[in-house]
Amino acid sequence: MNPLQNTHVDRRQFLTAGATTLAGLTAMPGWAASGVPTQVRGNAEHVISIWLGGGMSQIDTFDPKKKGNPEKQKPGAYYDAIPTAVKDVTVCEHLPKLASLMDRITAVRTVNHSVIDEHAAATNWMHVGRPVSGTVVYPSLGSIVSHERGALSDSAPPYVLIGYPNNSRGPGFLGAQHSYLYLTDTGRGPTGLARHLTISQQRQTEREQLIKSIRDVQPEVTEKVLQDYAAAADLSLRLSGPSFMRSFQLESEAAELRESYGGEFGQRCLLARRLVERGVRFIEVSHNLNFLNGAGWDVHNRGILDQHKLIHELDDALSTLIQDLEQRKLLDKTLIVVSTEFGRPPQFDGGGGRGHQGSAFTCVLAGGGLNHVGAFGETNELSQSIVADPVSVPDLFATIHAALGIDYAKSLYDGDRPVPITDRGQPITKLFG
């Protein structure tokens, strides 16, 4: 018997139920009256992603709370808080320059995931936007942006990594054409692209003409692997030209500006700005070397004693980058993202440092044409749990994609298998006008 035969719904009941459902959909954030998700879209053209490897302590930087005492094992912040340009938003005392710029910044204080004890797994999650799968090699955020937006110039790669490479930054199933160009030395371009000192420009030109003449008489290449190889060779030739290689001439910048960026990390940020000007779409700047305190941002035990030096270095470089981009009218076009694999708990370990915390930590957004609010989301009195406005890693990724005008609700394809681009994340709509 058909179970619907004994079900009676009159016309009025049907219309009432339909209207109620429609109203519910309309009231939901990100849903239109049609029941189809609406897209928030920004107009940013570039991303500079600053990676603080090791786990930046949110309670000691952008989400300060009441002071603790490591000697007495009293949980709390390591430093005092100071006011900022945004009312009721405070930051750590060692971020005075950024404090004055918080109206261009949003500290997203409620990012969270479930990895706390393993740096590599958390780093992968924060680069690909989801936990590792045994069957899919997911693409990184940089590779997705490369795939969706490409480079802005034929003489620039879409994705550059300033730091040491690993699989978490890679293209996954999107393929090698969406991988990164990496470099570790800000004073010169990638070694494999630089013309040797014994090769004159005329000789280089003759070599390129010879390659072209040989290709002209070859049969058309149809195998994808050979097409990819030829495309990589062509890109290498373009990148070895003077237009792109000038990006690495940091000495051409005013000495005062270079000094305001600070040391090696700051020079990486300066290079990132120059790469934006050359048309690079996505640049990751790594700050996970053991600078200054011997431990980087992974401040277990005594590594926390000189943590303030790292924070000062971040304050100098990031504040200068924001103002430098703004002066060149590039800040609204460039989204700056400061991320890390997890945060730190308010409790102190036996050596006075801090452990790992994935339940609530801070990532920072700046520029990109967003409506910045200083801080988004609220944690408890010890920055250990989320009180309001949780932001998952997919939500953070969706916000980044939306700022770039990328469809954050679409699927990419691993062969014929659909893979949601952000694992169904939703952007922080408050940041979009």
Protein backbone atom coordinates (compact mmCIF):
# COMPACT_ATOMS: atom_id res chain seq x y z
CA MET A 1 0.00 0.00 0.00
CA ASN A 2 1.27 3.47 -0.87
CA PRO A 3 1.95 5.27 2.44
CA LEU A 4 0.98 8.56 0.81
CA GLN A 5 -2.57 7.48 0.04
CA ASN A 6 -3.81 8.13 3.60
CA THR A 7 -1.95 11.42 3.94
CA HIS A 8 -4.13 14.48 3.35
CA VAL A 9 -2.67 17.97 3.08
CA ASP A 10 -5.04 20.67 1.93
CA ARG A 11 -3.99 23.63 -0.20
CA ARG A 12 -3.78 26.07 2.74
CA GLN A 13 -1.55 23.72 4.76
CA PHE A 14 0.70 23.19 1.76
CA LEU A 15 1.12 26.92 1.12
CA THR A 16 1.72 27.66 4.81
CA ALA A 17 4.37 24.96 5.08
CA GLY A 18 6.03 26.16 1.88
CA ALA A 19 6.12 29.77 3.06
CA THR A 20 7.56 28.74 6.42
CA THR A 21 10.30 26.72 4.76
CA LEU A 22 11.12 29.54 2.36
CA ALA A 23 11.26 32.08 5.17
CA GLY A 24 13.59 29.82 7.10
CA LEU A 25 15.92 29.54 4.14
CA THR A 26 15.83 33.28 3.56
CA ALA A 27 16.73 33.95 7.19
CA MET A 28 19.76 31.69 7.06
CA PRO A 29 23.04 33.53 6.48
CA GLY A 30 24.27 33.03 2.92
CA TRP A 31 20.95 31.82 1.51
CA ALA A 32 18.79 33.61 -1.01
CA ALA A 33 14.99 33.47 -1.21
CA SER A 34 15.33 30.86 -3.96
CA GLY A 35 16.95 28.48 -1.47
CA VAL A 36 20.22 28.65 -3.41
CA PRO A 37 23.30 29.72 -1.46
CA THR A 38 24.34 33.28 -2.24
CA GLN A 39 27.96 34.07 -2.92
CA VAL A 40 29.86 36.81 -1.16
CA ARG A 41 32.61 38.02 -3.44
CA GLY A 42 35.56 40.31 -3.00
CA ASN A 43 37.92 41.90 -5.50
CA ALA A 44 41.34 40.99 -4.14
CA GLU A 45 43.90 39.86 -6.70
CA HIS A 46 46.78 38.54 -4.58
CA VAL A 47 47.48 36.68 -1.35
CA ILE A 48 50.55 37.04 0.83
CA SER A 49 50.37 34.16 3.28
CA ILE A 50 52.70 34.46 6.27
CA TRP A 51 53.30 31.09 7.89
CA LEU A 52 54.34 31.06 11.56
CA GLY A 53 55.48 27.47 11.83
CA GLY A 54 55.56 25.94 15.29
CA GLY A 55 52.31 27.33 16.68
CA MET A 56 51.92 31.04 17.49
CA SER A 57 50.57 31.58 20.99
CA GLN A 58 47.30 33.47 20.56
CA ILE A 59 47.10 34.42 24.24
CA ASP A 60 50.54 36.04 23.95
CA THR A 61 49.83 37.94 20.70
CA PHE A 62 46.40 38.75 19.22
CA ASP A 63 44.05 37.38 21.89
CA PRO A 64 45.56 38.59 25.16
CA LYS A 65 43.94 37.76 28.48
CA LYS A 66 44.74 38.36 32.14
CA LYS A 67 48.34 37.85 33.12
CA GLY A 68 49.58 34.46 34.29
CA ASN A 69 52.69 33.46 36.22
CA PRO A 70 54.86 30.57 34.94
CA GLU A 71 56.84 30.35 38.18
CA LYS A 72 53.66 29.79 40.18
CA GLN A 73 52.03 27.73 37.40
CA LYS A 74 49.21 30.28 37.20
CA PRO A 75 47.56 30.09 33.75
CA GLY A 76 47.30 33.28 31.70
CA ALA A 77 49.07 35.59 29.30
CA TYR A 78 52.84 36.02 29.38
CA TYR A 79 52.66 39.74 28.56
CA ASP A 80 50.51 42.78 29.25
CA ALA A 81 47.82 43.90 26.78
CA ILE A 82 47.65 47.28 25.05
CA PRO A 83 44.75 49.11 23.35
CA THR A 84 44.55 49.37 19.56
CA ALA A 85 43.04 51.63 16.91
CA VAL A 86 39.80 49.62 17.27
CA LYS A 87 37.76 50.21 20.41
CA ASP A 88 37.69 47.30 22.88
CA VAL A 89 40.27 45.34 20.86
CA THR A 90 43.61 44.73 22.55
CA VAL A 91 46.83 43.00 21.52
CA CYS A 92 50.05 42.02 23.27
CA GLU A 93 52.35 44.82 24.42
CA HIS A 94 54.99 43.69 21.91
CA LEU A 95 52.76 44.53 18.92
CA PRO A 96 52.61 48.34 19.21
CA LYS A 97 52.97 49.05 15.49
CA LEU A 98 50.22 46.64 14.52
CA ALA A 99 48.06 48.01 17.34
CA SER A 100 47.92 51.32 15.51
CA LEU A 101 46.83 49.55 12.30
CA MET A 102 44.13 47.24 13.65
CA ASP A 103 41.46 49.06 11.62
CA ARG A 104 43.06 47.39 8.56
CA ILE A 105 43.25 44.03 10.32
CA THR A 106 40.99 41.29 11.65
CA ALA A 107 42.39 38.85 14.18
CA VAL A 108 40.17 35.79 13.74
CA ARG A 109 40.35 34.48 17.29
CA THR A 110 38.21 31.36 17.02
CA VAL A 111 39.92 29.21 14.40
CA ASN A 112 39.87 25.59 15.48
CA HIS A 113 40.59 22.01 14.48
CA SER A 114 41.09 18.70 16.25
CA VAL A 115 44.86 18.21 15.86
CA ILE A 116 46.96 19.18 18.87
CA ASP A 117 49.90 16.81 19.25
CA GLU A 118 51.41 16.50 15.81
CA HIS A 119 52.96 19.43 13.96
CA ALA A 120 53.04 17.79 10.53
CA ALA A 121 49.35 16.79 10.56
CA ALA A 122 48.28 20.22 11.80
CA THR A 123 50.50 21.96 9.24
CA ASN A 124 48.95 19.88 6.48
CA TRP A 125 45.42 20.69 7.72
CA MET A 126 46.20 24.42 7.74
CA HIS A 127 47.52 24.24 4.18
CA VAL A 128 44.93 22.01 2.51
CA GLY A 129 41.94 22.91 4.68
CA ARG A 130 40.99 19.44 5.89
CA PRO A 131 42.45 16.35 7.57
CA VAL A 132 44.61 13.94 5.61
CA SER A 133 42.76 11.28 3.63
CA GLY A 134 44.17 7.90 2.74
CA THR A 135 42.74 8.04 -0.78
CA VAL A 136 43.09 11.68 -1.90
CA VAL A 137 46.15 13.92 -2.02
CA TYR A 138 44.51 17.31 -1.55
CA PRO A 139 45.89 20.49 -3.11
CA SER A 140 47.17 23.30 -0.92
CA LEU A 141 45.50 26.68 -0.70
CA GLY A 142 48.20 28.22 -2.87
CA SER A 143 47.74 25.60 -5.57
CA ILE A 144 43.96 26.05 -5.54
CA VAL A 145 44.37 29.81 -6.00
CA SER A 146 46.81 29.10 -8.84
CA HIS A 147 44.28 26.75 -10.43
CA GLU A 148 41.35 29.14 -10.08
CA ARG A 149 43.00 32.49 -10.81
CA GLY A 150 46.37 31.83 -12.50
CA ALA A 151 49.11 34.43 -12.69
CA LEU A 152 48.49 38.06 -13.56
CA SER A 153 51.44 38.14 -15.93
CA ASP A 154 53.03 35.82 -18.48
CA SER A 155 56.40 36.66 -16.96
CA ALA A 156 55.47 35.61 -13.41
CA PRO A 157 54.53 32.29 -11.80
CA PRO A 158 51.15 32.11 -10.07
CA TYR A 159 52.53 30.60 -6.82
CA VAL A 160 55.82 31.31 -5.04
CA LEU A 161 57.02 29.80 -1.77
CA ILE A 162 59.67 31.73 0.16
CA GLY A 163 60.97 29.02 2.45
CA TYR A 164 61.61 25.31 2.37
CA PRO A 165 59.10 23.18 0.43
CA ASN A 166 57.16 20.13 1.53
CA ASN A 167 54.12 18.12 0.46
CA SER A 168 51.62 20.20 2.43
CA ARG A 169 52.28 23.15 0.10
CA GLY A 170 51.91 21.06 -3.04
CA PRO A 171 49.31 20.79 -5.81
CA GLY A 172 47.93 17.35 -4.93
CA PHE A 173 45.58 16.03 -7.58
CA LEU A 174 45.62 19.36 -9.46
CA GLY A 175 48.96 18.44 -11.01
CA ALA A 176 52.47 19.84 -11.23
CA GLN A 177 51.43 22.87 -13.28
CA HIS A 178 49.86 24.29 -10.10
CA SER A 179 52.86 23.68 -7.86
CA TYR A 180 55.08 26.41 -6.48
CA LEU A 181 58.32 28.07 -7.41
CA TYR A 182 60.39 28.10 -4.25
CA LEU A 183 63.42 30.01 -3.06
CA THR A 184 65.30 30.34 0.21
CA ASP A 185 67.53 33.30 -0.56
CA THR A 186 65.90 36.72 -0.83
CA GLY A 187 69.00 38.25 -2.40
CA ARG A 188 68.71 36.41 -5.70
CA GLY A 189 66.26 34.49 -7.78
CA PRO A 190 65.93 30.70 -7.90
CA THR A 191 69.31 29.20 -8.76
CA GLY A 192 67.85 27.09 -11.55
CA LEU A 193 66.50 30.16 -13.34
CA ALA A 194 69.43 32.53 -13.02
CA ARG A 195 71.61 32.81 -16.11
CA HIS A 196 75.18 31.74 -15.42
CA LEU A 197 77.71 34.56 -15.33
CA THR A 198 79.54 33.08 -18.32
CA ILE A 199 76.41 33.23 -20.51
CA SER A 200 75.83 36.61 -22.13
CA GLN A 201 72.35 37.87 -22.96
CA GLN A 202 73.13 37.50 -26.68
CA ARG A 203 74.13 33.87 -26.21
CA GLN A 204 70.99 33.24 -24.16
CA THR A 205 68.87 34.73 -26.95
CA GLU A 206 70.59 32.53 -29.53
CA ARG A 207 69.88 29.45 -27.40
CA GLU A 208 66.20 30.34 -27.15
CA GLN A 209 65.99 30.87 -30.92
CA LEU A 210 67.60 27.46 -31.48
CA ILE A 211 65.08 25.76 -29.20
CA LYS A 212 62.23 27.46 -31.06
CA SER A 213 63.52 26.40 -34.46
CA ILE A 214 63.81 22.77 -33.32
CA ARG A 215 60.27 22.80 -31.94
CA ASP A 216 58.90 24.29 -35.15
CA VAL A 217 59.93 21.21 -37.14
CA GLN A 218 58.79 18.67 -34.54
CA PRO A 219 55.41 16.92 -34.83
CA GLU A 220 52.68 18.20 -32.52
CA VAL A 221 52.92 16.83 -28.98
CA THR A 222 49.73 15.12 -27.82
CA GLU A 223 50.81 13.30 -24.65
CA LYS A 224 49.93 15.31 -21.54
CA VAL A 225 53.18 14.56 -19.73
CA LEU A 226 55.15 15.96 -22.67
CA GLN A 227 52.86 18.97 -22.93
CA ASP A 228 53.41 19.69 -19.23
CA TYR A 229 57.16 19.38 -19.71
CA ALA A 230 57.12 21.82 -22.62
CA ALA A 231 54.93 24.24 -20.66
CA ALA A 232 57.36 24.10 -17.71
CA ALA A 233 60.31 24.75 -20.01
CA ASP A 234 58.55 27.75 -21.57
CA LEU A 235 57.71 29.17 -18.14
CA SER A 236 61.33 28.72 -17.02
CA LEU A 237 62.55 30.71 -20.00
CA ARG A 238 60.08 33.51 -19.28
CA LEU A 239 60.97 33.62 -15.60
CA SER A 240 64.70 33.78 -16.33
CA GLY A 241 64.12 37.06 -18.18
CA PRO A 242 64.90 40.47 -16.68
CA SER A 243 61.28 41.39 -15.88
CA PHE A 244 60.82 38.68 -13.23
CA MET A 245 64.42 38.48 -12.04
CA ARG A 246 64.37 42.18 -11.14
CA SER A 247 62.02 41.20 -8.30
CA PHE A 248 65.02 39.98 -6.33
CA GLN A 249 67.01 43.21 -6.49
CA LEU A 250 66.06 44.30 -2.99
CA GLU A 251 69.01 46.67 -2.92
CA SER A 252 67.09 48.91 -5.32
CA GLU A 253 64.66 49.75 -2.50
CA ALA A 254 65.26 52.77 -0.27
CA ALA A 255 67.52 51.87 2.66
CA GLU A 256 65.05 53.32 5.17
CA LEU A 257 62.25 51.08 3.87
CA ARG A 258 64.41 47.98 3.88
CA GLU A 259 65.48 48.67 7.46
CA SER A 260 61.88 49.18 8.58
CA TYR A 261 61.01 45.68 7.37
CA GLY A 262 63.68 44.25 9.66
CA GLY A 263 65.90 41.18 9.29
CA GLU A 264 65.67 38.10 7.11
CA PHE A 265 61.98 37.52 7.76
CA GLY A 266 61.23 41.17 7.00
CA GLN A 267 63.23 40.98 3.78
CA ARG A 268 61.10 38.01 2.77
CA CYS A 269 58.01 40.16 3.30
CA LEU A 270 59.56 42.94 1.21
CA LEU A 271 60.27 40.43 -1.55
CA ALA A 272 56.65 39.28 -1.35
CA ARG A 273 55.51 42.85 -2.03
CA ARG A 274 57.81 43.03 -5.06
CA LEU A 275 56.47 39.69 -6.33
CA VAL A 276 52.93 41.05 -6.05
CA GLU A 277 54.00 43.93 -8.26
CA ARG A 278 55.33 41.44 -10.82
CA GLY A 279 51.98 39.65 -11.00
CA VAL A 280 52.44 36.65 -8.70
CA ARG A 281 49.04 35.58 -7.41
CA PHE A 282 49.94 33.69 -4.19
CA ILE A 283 53.10 34.03 -2.10
CA GLU A 284 53.80 32.14 1.10
CA VAL A 285 56.42 33.67 3.39
CA SER A 286 57.74 31.22 5.93
CA HIS A 287 58.84 32.33 9.40
CA ASN A 288 59.39 28.91 10.92
CA LEU A 289 63.17 29.02 11.08
CA ASN A 290 64.69 29.04 14.55
CA PHE A 291 65.14 32.79 14.54
CA LEU A 292 66.21 34.69 17.64
CA ASN A 293 64.89 32.45 20.42
CA GLY A 294 66.28 29.13 19.18
CA ALA A 295 62.87 27.47 19.09
CA GLY A 296 60.78 29.49 16.64
CA TRP A 297 57.09 29.68 17.54
CA ASP A 298 57.12 26.25 19.19
CA VAL A 299 57.68 27.70 22.65
CA HIS A 300 57.95 24.70 24.92
CA ASN A 301 60.07 25.07 28.02
CA ARG A 302 62.58 27.95 27.89
CA GLY A 303 61.80 28.85 24.27
CA ILE A 304 59.20 31.23 25.66
CA LEU A 305 61.81 33.43 27.35
CA ASP A 306 62.72 35.14 24.06
CA GLN A 307 59.34 34.74 22.40
CA HIS A 308 58.95 38.53 22.54
CA LYS A 309 61.79 38.87 20.02
CA LEU A 310 59.81 36.87 17.48
CA ILE A 311 56.73 38.97 18.19
CA HIS A 312 58.69 42.19 17.69
CA GLU A 313 60.02 40.82 14.39
CA LEU A 314 56.47 40.06 13.26
CA ASP A 315 55.33 43.52 14.39
CA ASP A 316 58.05 45.28 12.37
CA ALA A 317 57.65 43.26 9.19
CA LEU A 318 53.85 42.97 9.06
CA SER A 319 53.18 46.61 9.96
CA THR A 320 55.65 47.80 7.33
CA LEU A 321 54.17 45.46 4.73
CA ILE A 322 50.65 46.77 5.37
CA GLN A 323 51.74 50.42 5.12
CA ASP A 324 53.98 49.76 2.11
CA LEU A 325 51.15 48.08 0.19
CA GLU A 326 48.76 50.83 1.23
CA GLN A 327 51.09 53.57 0.01
CA ARG A 328 51.36 51.80 -3.36
CA LYS A 329 47.56 51.39 -3.53
CA LEU A 330 47.94 47.61 -3.38
CA LEU A 331 46.51 46.85 0.06
CA ASP A 332 42.89 46.50 -1.09
CA LYS A 333 44.10 44.21 -3.89
CA THR A 334 46.28 42.08 -1.60
CA LEU A 335 44.92 39.86 1.16
CA ILE A 336 47.49 39.20 3.87
CA VAL A 337 46.91 35.98 5.81
CA VAL A 338 48.91 35.13 8.94
CA SER A 339 48.42 31.51 9.92
CA THR A 340 49.96 28.83 12.09
CA GLU A 341 49.29 25.14 12.77
CA PHE A 342 47.67 25.60 16.18
CA GLY A 343 47.82 27.86 19.24
CA ARG A 344 49.08 27.42 22.78
CA PRO A 345 47.18 26.75 26.02
CA PRO A 346 47.17 29.26 28.89
CA GLN A 347 48.84 26.76 31.22
CA PHE A 348 52.63 26.66 31.50
CA ASP A 349 54.64 23.46 31.23
CA GLY A 350 57.31 22.36 33.69
CA GLY A 351 59.95 24.47 31.92
CA GLY A 352 57.79 27.58 31.86
CA GLY A 353 56.74 27.29 28.21
CA ARG A 354 53.47 26.18 26.62
CA GLY A 355 52.08 23.07 24.94
CA HIS A 356 49.78 22.81 21.90
CA GLN A 357 46.14 23.86 21.49
CA GLY A 358 43.89 23.29 18.49
CA SER A 359 40.58 24.04 20.17
CA ALA A 360 40.92 27.82 19.78
CA PHE A 361 43.66 29.86 18.13
CA THR A 362 44.15 32.98 16.06
CA CYS A 363 44.82 33.60 12.38
CA VAL A 364 45.07 37.15 11.09
CA LEU A 365 43.65 38.77 7.95
CA ALA A 366 44.66 42.20 6.67
CA GLY A 367 43.88 44.25 3.58
CA GLY A 368 42.25 42.48 0.66
CA GLY A 369 39.39 44.98 0.48
CA LEU A 370 37.64 43.42 3.50
CA ASN A 371 35.64 45.31 6.12
CA HIS A 372 38.06 44.81 8.97
CA VAL A 373 36.79 44.82 12.53
CA GLY A 374 39.98 44.43 14.58
CA ALA A 375 38.95 41.09 15.99
CA PHE A 376 36.34 38.47 15.14
CA GLY A 377 35.12 35.72 17.45
CA GLU A 378 35.34 35.44 21.20
CA THR A 379 37.18 33.00 23.43
CA ASN A 380 36.82 32.48 27.19
CA GLU A 381 38.78 34.27 29.88
CA LEU A 382 41.86 32.13 29.18
CA SER A 383 41.60 31.89 25.37
CA GLN A 384 41.16 28.14 25.69
CA SER A 385 37.62 27.57 24.44
CA ILE A 386 35.29 29.35 22.03
CA VAL A 387 32.47 31.49 23.39
CA ALA A 388 31.08 32.95 20.16
CA ASP A 389 31.54 32.74 16.37
CA PRO A 390 33.67 29.64 15.82
CA VAL A 391 35.59 29.57 12.54
CA SER A 392 36.56 26.19 11.15
CA VAL A 393 39.55 25.84 8.85
CA PRO A 394 37.18 25.36 5.87
CA ASP A 395 35.42 28.59 6.93
CA LEU A 396 38.76 30.41 6.96
CA PHE A 397 39.59 29.04 3.51
CA ALA A 398 36.14 30.02 2.21
CA THR A 399 36.76 33.56 3.45
CA ILE A 400 40.07 33.70 1.58
CA HIS A 401 38.52 32.31 -1.60
CA ALA A 402 35.59 34.70 -1.38
CA ALA A 403 37.95 37.67 -0.99
CA LEU A 404 39.57 36.60 -4.27
CA GLY A 405 36.25 36.14 -6.06
CA ILE A 406 36.65 32.35 -6.13
CA ASP A 407 33.54 30.18 -5.90
CA TYR A 408 33.99 28.62 -2.46
CA ALA A 409 30.98 26.33 -2.95
CA LYS A 410 32.23 24.56 -6.09
CA SER A 411 33.91 21.19 -6.39
CA LEU A 412 37.27 20.36 -7.88
CA TYR A 413 37.79 16.97 -9.49
CA ASP A 414 40.26 14.25 -8.71
CA GLY A 415 39.69 12.36 -11.95
CA ASP A 416 35.90 11.97 -11.97
CA ARG A 417 35.60 12.26 -8.19
CA PRO A 418 34.19 15.61 -6.96
CA VAL A 419 36.06 17.18 -4.03
CA PRO A 420 34.49 20.26 -2.37
CA ILE A 421 36.93 23.13 -2.72
CA THR A 422 36.68 24.14 0.95
CA ASP A 423 35.12 21.05 2.51
CA ARG A 424 31.83 23.01 2.64
CA GLY A 425 33.23 26.04 4.47
CA GLN A 426 31.30 29.31 4.72
CA PRO A 427 33.03 32.71 4.69
CA ILE A 428 32.90 35.23 7.51
CA THR A 429 30.17 37.35 5.94
CA LYS A 430 30.72 40.20 8.40
CA LEU A 431 33.97 41.03 6.61
CA PHE A 432 32.25 41.62 3.27
CA GLY A 433 30.35 44.83 2.48
